[in-house]
Amino acid sequence: MTKKTYIVGNWKMYCSPSEASLLVNRLKKEVGRVPADVEVVLCPPAVDLTTVRQELSEHDKFSLGVQNAYPMDEGAFTGEVSVAMVADLVHFVLCGHSERRHTFHERDGLIAQKVAATRRHGLTPILCVGETRHERESGHAKQVVADQLETGLSLLTPEEMGDVIIAYEPVWAIGSGESAKPGDAREMFEYIRKSLGALHGSALANAVPLLYGGSVNASNAASYLKLQDCQGLLVGGASTNYKSFASIIEKAAA
């Protein structure tokens, strides 16, 4: 079976509903045919989800995801949006993005709950893992990623593990303009496969899609997509520029 390539656009805290509508319409015009083995996922802010869903109602080029979701279905959690609330709108949920881990101090245990809630509602979690610059320079990058993987997936059943995506995004590359070298990304992908194999068996380890994220742009996208273990990209700032994002999608479709 042909493996799918995922191009995930994380709009972060950009675009009001009207701006999101404009961006989606420009993308629909700019992006040509998307092959069946490429899935483009748009992850706008939660306030834009309904607007973007409406804009995509008659188009099959894009899927929809959410940048974050709370694991409890409902309750007295002011300001939060649960997985249950977005389950009818999206197919994907970003879990443990580095900005959630380091700006909002989310721990691995909470991220594991988000991953489990995402699968419980039949959605696909995109579990983000990655090390800080200090952790890399001190030689702890692989251990940090292994710990994030083990805890982040710890609440899933073997059956639920069959629909999970892992995004390797070194923290020091997020929004910095400094992306990881393809060789460094390849080495980490190999280690992630090895770690998944030790935890869940080689068959599942080889089946889980691995994405790269971290200052991805139209100029460097192809260098990651060429890597044997890379099955897509998690794109930040470049995904809010319709021409740049369309160019990245084109490289995935080539």
Protein backbone atom coordinates (compact mmCIF):
# COMPACT_ATOMS: atom_id res chain seq x y z
CA MET A 1 0.00 0.00 0.00
CA THR A 2 1.33 3.44 -0.95
CA LYS A 3 2.20 5.57 2.06
CA LYS A 4 0.51 8.94 2.34
CA THR A 5 2.38 12.23 2.61
CA TYR A 6 0.95 14.80 5.03
CA ILE A 7 1.42 18.55 4.67
CA VAL A 8 0.08 20.18 7.83
CA GLY A 9 -0.30 23.95 8.06
CA ASN A 10 -0.31 25.34 11.61
CA TRP A 11 -1.60 28.91 11.43
CA LYS A 12 -0.80 29.50 15.11
CA MET A 13 -2.43 32.68 16.50
CA TYR A 14 -2.91 34.36 13.14
CA CYS A 15 -6.02 35.13 11.05
CA SER A 16 -9.41 36.39 12.19
CA PRO A 17 -12.39 34.55 10.66
CA SER A 18 -12.54 37.00 7.75
CA GLU A 19 -8.79 36.71 7.16
CA ALA A 20 -9.06 32.91 7.36
CA SER A 21 -11.81 32.96 4.73
CA LEU A 22 -9.63 35.03 2.41
CA LEU A 23 -6.60 32.77 2.94
CA VAL A 24 -8.56 29.59 2.22
CA ASN A 25 -10.04 31.03 -0.96
CA ARG A 26 -6.61 32.09 -2.18
CA LEU A 27 -5.26 28.62 -1.39
CA LYS A 28 -8.08 26.94 -3.29
CA LYS A 29 -7.19 28.99 -6.37
CA GLU A 30 -3.42 28.66 -6.01
CA VAL A 31 -3.21 24.92 -5.26
CA GLY A 32 -3.68 22.66 -8.25
CA ARG A 33 -4.64 19.01 -8.13
CA VAL A 34 -3.64 17.27 -4.91
CA PRO A 35 -2.78 13.59 -5.53
CA ALA A 36 -4.63 10.94 -3.56
CA ASP A 37 -1.44 10.03 -1.68
CA VAL A 38 -0.99 13.60 -0.35
CA GLU A 39 -3.19 14.96 2.43
CA VAL A 40 -3.11 18.69 3.14
CA VAL A 41 -4.30 19.59 6.64
CA LEU A 42 -5.16 23.15 7.68
CA CYS A 43 -4.97 23.92 11.41
CA PRO A 44 -6.42 27.40 11.97
CA PRO A 45 -7.16 28.95 15.37
CA ALA A 46 -10.26 27.46 17.00
CA VAL A 47 -12.24 30.65 16.43
CA ASP A 48 -11.80 30.12 12.66
CA LEU A 49 -12.84 26.46 12.48
CA THR A 50 -16.47 26.94 11.49
CA THR A 51 -15.58 29.55 8.88
CA VAL A 52 -12.86 27.40 7.32
CA ARG A 53 -15.09 24.32 7.42
CA GLN A 54 -17.74 26.22 5.46
CA GLU A 55 -15.18 27.39 2.90
CA LEU A 56 -14.04 23.79 2.41
CA SER A 57 -17.52 22.28 2.22
CA GLU A 58 -17.44 21.79 -1.56
CA HIS A 59 -13.71 21.15 -1.93
CA ASP A 60 -11.73 17.99 -1.27
CA LYS A 61 -8.21 19.41 -1.54
CA PHE A 62 -7.85 20.04 2.19
CA SER A 63 -8.63 18.40 5.53
CA LEU A 64 -9.12 20.29 8.77
CA GLY A 65 -7.32 20.06 12.09
CA VAL A 66 -7.19 21.94 15.37
CA GLN A 67 -4.05 23.27 17.05
CA ASN A 68 -4.91 22.11 20.55
CA ALA A 69 -7.78 20.60 22.53
CA TYR A 70 -8.51 19.88 26.18
CA PRO A 71 -8.87 16.18 27.14
CA MET A 72 -12.02 16.50 29.29
CA ASP A 73 -15.22 16.42 27.23
CA GLU A 74 -16.93 19.22 29.18
CA GLY A 75 -16.85 21.00 32.51
CA ALA A 76 -15.77 24.11 34.37
CA PHE A 77 -12.64 24.74 32.30
CA THR A 78 -12.95 28.40 31.33
CA GLY A 79 -11.36 29.26 28.00
CA GLU A 80 -10.70 25.68 26.90
CA VAL A 81 -12.04 23.84 23.83
CA SER A 82 -12.46 20.08 24.18
CA VAL A 83 -11.86 17.34 21.63
CA ALA A 84 -15.56 16.51 21.93
CA MET A 85 -16.46 20.05 20.85
CA VAL A 86 -14.43 19.91 17.63
CA ALA A 87 -15.04 16.26 16.74
CA ASP A 88 -17.69 17.17 14.15
CA LEU A 89 -15.45 19.82 12.54
CA VAL A 90 -11.95 18.32 12.24
CA HIS A 91 -10.10 15.08 11.57
CA PHE A 92 -6.73 15.93 13.17
CA VAL A 93 -5.56 17.36 16.51
CA LEU A 94 -2.08 18.75 17.20
CA CYS A 95 -0.94 17.45 20.60
CA GLY A 96 2.12 18.70 22.46
CA HIS A 97 3.33 21.33 20.01
CA SER A 98 6.56 22.82 21.37
CA GLU A 99 4.82 26.14 22.03
CA ARG A 100 2.25 24.34 24.18
CA ARG A 101 5.03 22.54 26.04
CA HIS A 102 7.32 25.52 26.61
CA THR A 103 5.11 28.63 26.54
CA PHE A 104 2.15 27.06 28.37
CA HIS A 105 4.20 24.53 30.38
CA GLU A 106 2.19 21.46 29.35
CA ARG A 107 3.66 18.28 30.78
CA ASP A 108 3.92 14.91 29.08
CA GLY A 109 1.12 13.49 31.23
CA LEU A 110 -1.39 16.12 30.07
CA ILE A 111 -0.30 15.65 26.47
CA ALA A 112 -0.87 11.90 26.83
CA GLN A 113 -4.43 12.64 27.96
CA LYS A 114 -4.97 14.84 24.91
CA VAL A 115 -3.68 12.11 22.60
CA ALA A 116 -5.98 9.56 24.25
CA ALA A 117 -9.01 11.88 24.08
CA THR A 118 -8.31 12.51 20.41
CA ARG A 119 -8.35 8.80 19.62
CA ARG A 120 -11.36 8.20 21.85
CA HIS A 121 -13.34 10.56 19.63
CA GLY A 122 -12.12 8.92 16.43
CA LEU A 123 -9.73 11.69 15.39
CA THR A 124 -6.05 11.45 14.47
CA PRO A 125 -3.53 12.94 16.92
CA ILE A 126 -0.37 14.53 15.57
CA LEU A 127 1.96 14.10 18.54
CA CYS A 128 4.79 16.65 18.44
CA VAL A 129 8.14 15.78 20.00
CA GLY A 130 11.47 17.56 20.05
CA GLU A 131 14.36 18.83 22.10
CA THR A 132 15.55 22.30 23.12
CA ARG A 133 18.92 23.64 22.00
CA HIS A 134 20.37 23.04 25.46
CA GLU A 135 19.16 19.43 25.45
CA ARG A 136 20.71 18.85 22.02
CA GLU A 137 24.03 20.48 22.89
CA SER A 138 24.25 18.50 26.14
CA GLY A 139 23.73 15.21 24.27
CA HIS A 140 20.24 14.48 25.62
CA ALA A 141 18.15 15.07 22.48
CA LYS A 142 17.36 11.41 21.82
CA GLN A 143 16.46 10.65 25.41
CA VAL A 144 14.15 13.66 25.58
CA VAL A 145 12.34 12.57 22.42
CA ALA A 146 12.13 8.95 23.62
CA ASP A 147 10.57 10.06 26.92
CA GLN A 148 8.06 12.31 25.12
CA LEU A 149 7.09 9.44 22.84
CA GLU A 150 6.72 6.85 25.59
CA THR A 151 4.58 9.03 27.85
CA GLY A 152 2.64 10.71 25.06
CA LEU A 153 1.44 7.35 23.70
CA SER A 154 1.14 5.56 27.05
CA LEU A 155 -2.66 5.79 27.37
CA LEU A 156 -3.46 4.30 23.96
CA THR A 157 -4.56 0.75 23.30
CA PRO A 158 -2.70 -1.20 20.58
CA GLU A 159 -5.69 -0.67 18.28
CA GLU A 160 -5.66 3.09 18.86
CA MET A 161 -1.96 3.24 18.03
CA GLY A 162 -2.86 2.40 14.44
CA ASP A 163 -3.99 5.96 13.72
CA VAL A 164 -1.29 8.24 15.12
CA ILE A 165 1.12 10.65 13.44
CA ILE A 166 4.42 11.77 15.00
CA ALA A 167 5.93 15.17 14.17
CA TYR A 168 9.58 15.76 15.05
CA GLU A 169 10.01 19.49 15.64
CA PRO A 170 13.23 20.53 17.36
CA VAL A 171 12.27 23.37 19.69
CA TRP A 172 15.25 25.48 18.70
CA ALA A 173 14.05 25.51 15.09
CA ILE A 174 10.46 26.63 15.74
CA GLY A 175 9.95 30.14 14.38
CA SER A 176 13.68 30.80 14.50
CA GLY A 177 14.41 30.60 10.79
CA GLU A 178 17.02 27.95 11.65
CA SER A 179 15.86 24.55 10.49
CA ALA A 180 17.49 21.24 11.37
CA LYS A 181 19.88 19.84 8.80
CA PRO A 182 18.32 17.00 6.80
CA GLY A 183 20.98 14.65 8.17
CA ASP A 184 20.04 15.52 11.75
CA ALA A 185 16.36 15.00 10.96
CA ARG A 186 17.12 11.65 9.31
CA GLU A 187 19.06 10.50 12.37
CA MET A 188 16.19 11.45 14.67
CA PHE A 189 13.61 9.77 12.44
CA GLU A 190 15.61 6.56 12.61
CA TYR A 191 15.79 6.83 16.38
CA ILE A 192 12.05 7.48 16.65
CA ARG A 193 11.36 4.35 14.58
CA LYS A 194 13.70 2.38 16.82
CA SER A 195 12.01 3.73 19.98
CA LEU A 196 8.53 3.00 18.64
CA GLY A 197 9.66 -0.50 17.73
CA ALA A 198 10.88 -1.15 21.26
CA LEU A 199 7.58 0.09 22.68
CA HIS A 200 5.02 -1.22 20.20
CA GLY A 201 6.71 -3.62 17.80
CA SER A 202 8.41 -3.15 14.44
CA ALA A 203 5.28 -3.46 12.29
CA LEU A 204 3.58 -0.54 13.99
CA ALA A 205 6.81 1.44 14.20
CA ASN A 206 7.28 1.23 10.45
CA ALA A 207 3.65 2.17 9.78
CA VAL A 208 3.46 5.37 11.86
CA PRO A 209 3.91 8.46 9.64
CA LEU A 210 6.76 10.74 10.72
CA LEU A 211 6.73 14.45 9.87
CA TYR A 212 9.37 17.16 10.18
CA GLY A 213 8.54 20.59 11.56
CA GLY A 214 10.71 23.59 12.34
CA SER A 215 11.14 26.66 10.10
CA VAL A 216 9.91 24.73 7.05
CA ASN A 217 9.61 26.88 3.94
CA ALA A 218 9.33 26.53 0.18
CA SER A 219 13.12 26.50 -0.19
CA ASN A 220 13.93 23.65 2.20
CA ALA A 221 10.76 21.53 2.06
CA ALA A 222 12.00 19.20 -0.66
CA SER A 223 15.20 18.36 1.27
CA TYR A 224 13.10 16.85 4.08
CA LEU A 225 10.54 15.18 1.86
CA LYS A 226 13.39 13.28 0.16
CA LEU A 227 14.34 11.56 3.43
CA GLN A 228 13.37 7.90 3.50
CA ASP A 229 11.50 8.08 6.83
CA CYS A 230 9.87 11.48 6.29
CA GLN A 231 6.21 11.28 5.32
CA GLY A 232 5.39 14.94 5.47
CA LEU A 233 5.87 18.34 7.03
CA LEU A 234 4.42 20.41 9.85
CA VAL A 235 4.57 23.96 8.49
CA GLY A 236 4.24 27.04 10.68
CA GLY A 237 4.56 30.60 9.44
CA ALA A 238 4.88 29.63 5.78
CA SER A 239 1.40 28.08 5.89
CA THR A 240 -0.20 31.51 6.32
CA ASN A 241 1.34 32.68 3.03
CA TYR A 242 -0.78 31.08 0.32
CA LYS A 243 1.94 31.21 -2.33
CA SER A 244 4.60 29.68 -0.07
CA PHE A 245 2.26 26.99 1.22
CA ALA A 246 1.08 26.16 -2.29
CA SER A 247 4.70 25.76 -3.34
CA ILE A 248 5.35 23.35 -0.45
CA ILE A 249 2.26 21.32 -1.42
CA GLU A 250 3.49 21.22 -5.01
CA LYS A 251 6.82 19.75 -3.86
CA ALA A 252 5.00 17.05 -1.92
CA ALA A 253 2.89 16.22 -4.96
CA ALA A 254 5.88 16.03 -7.32
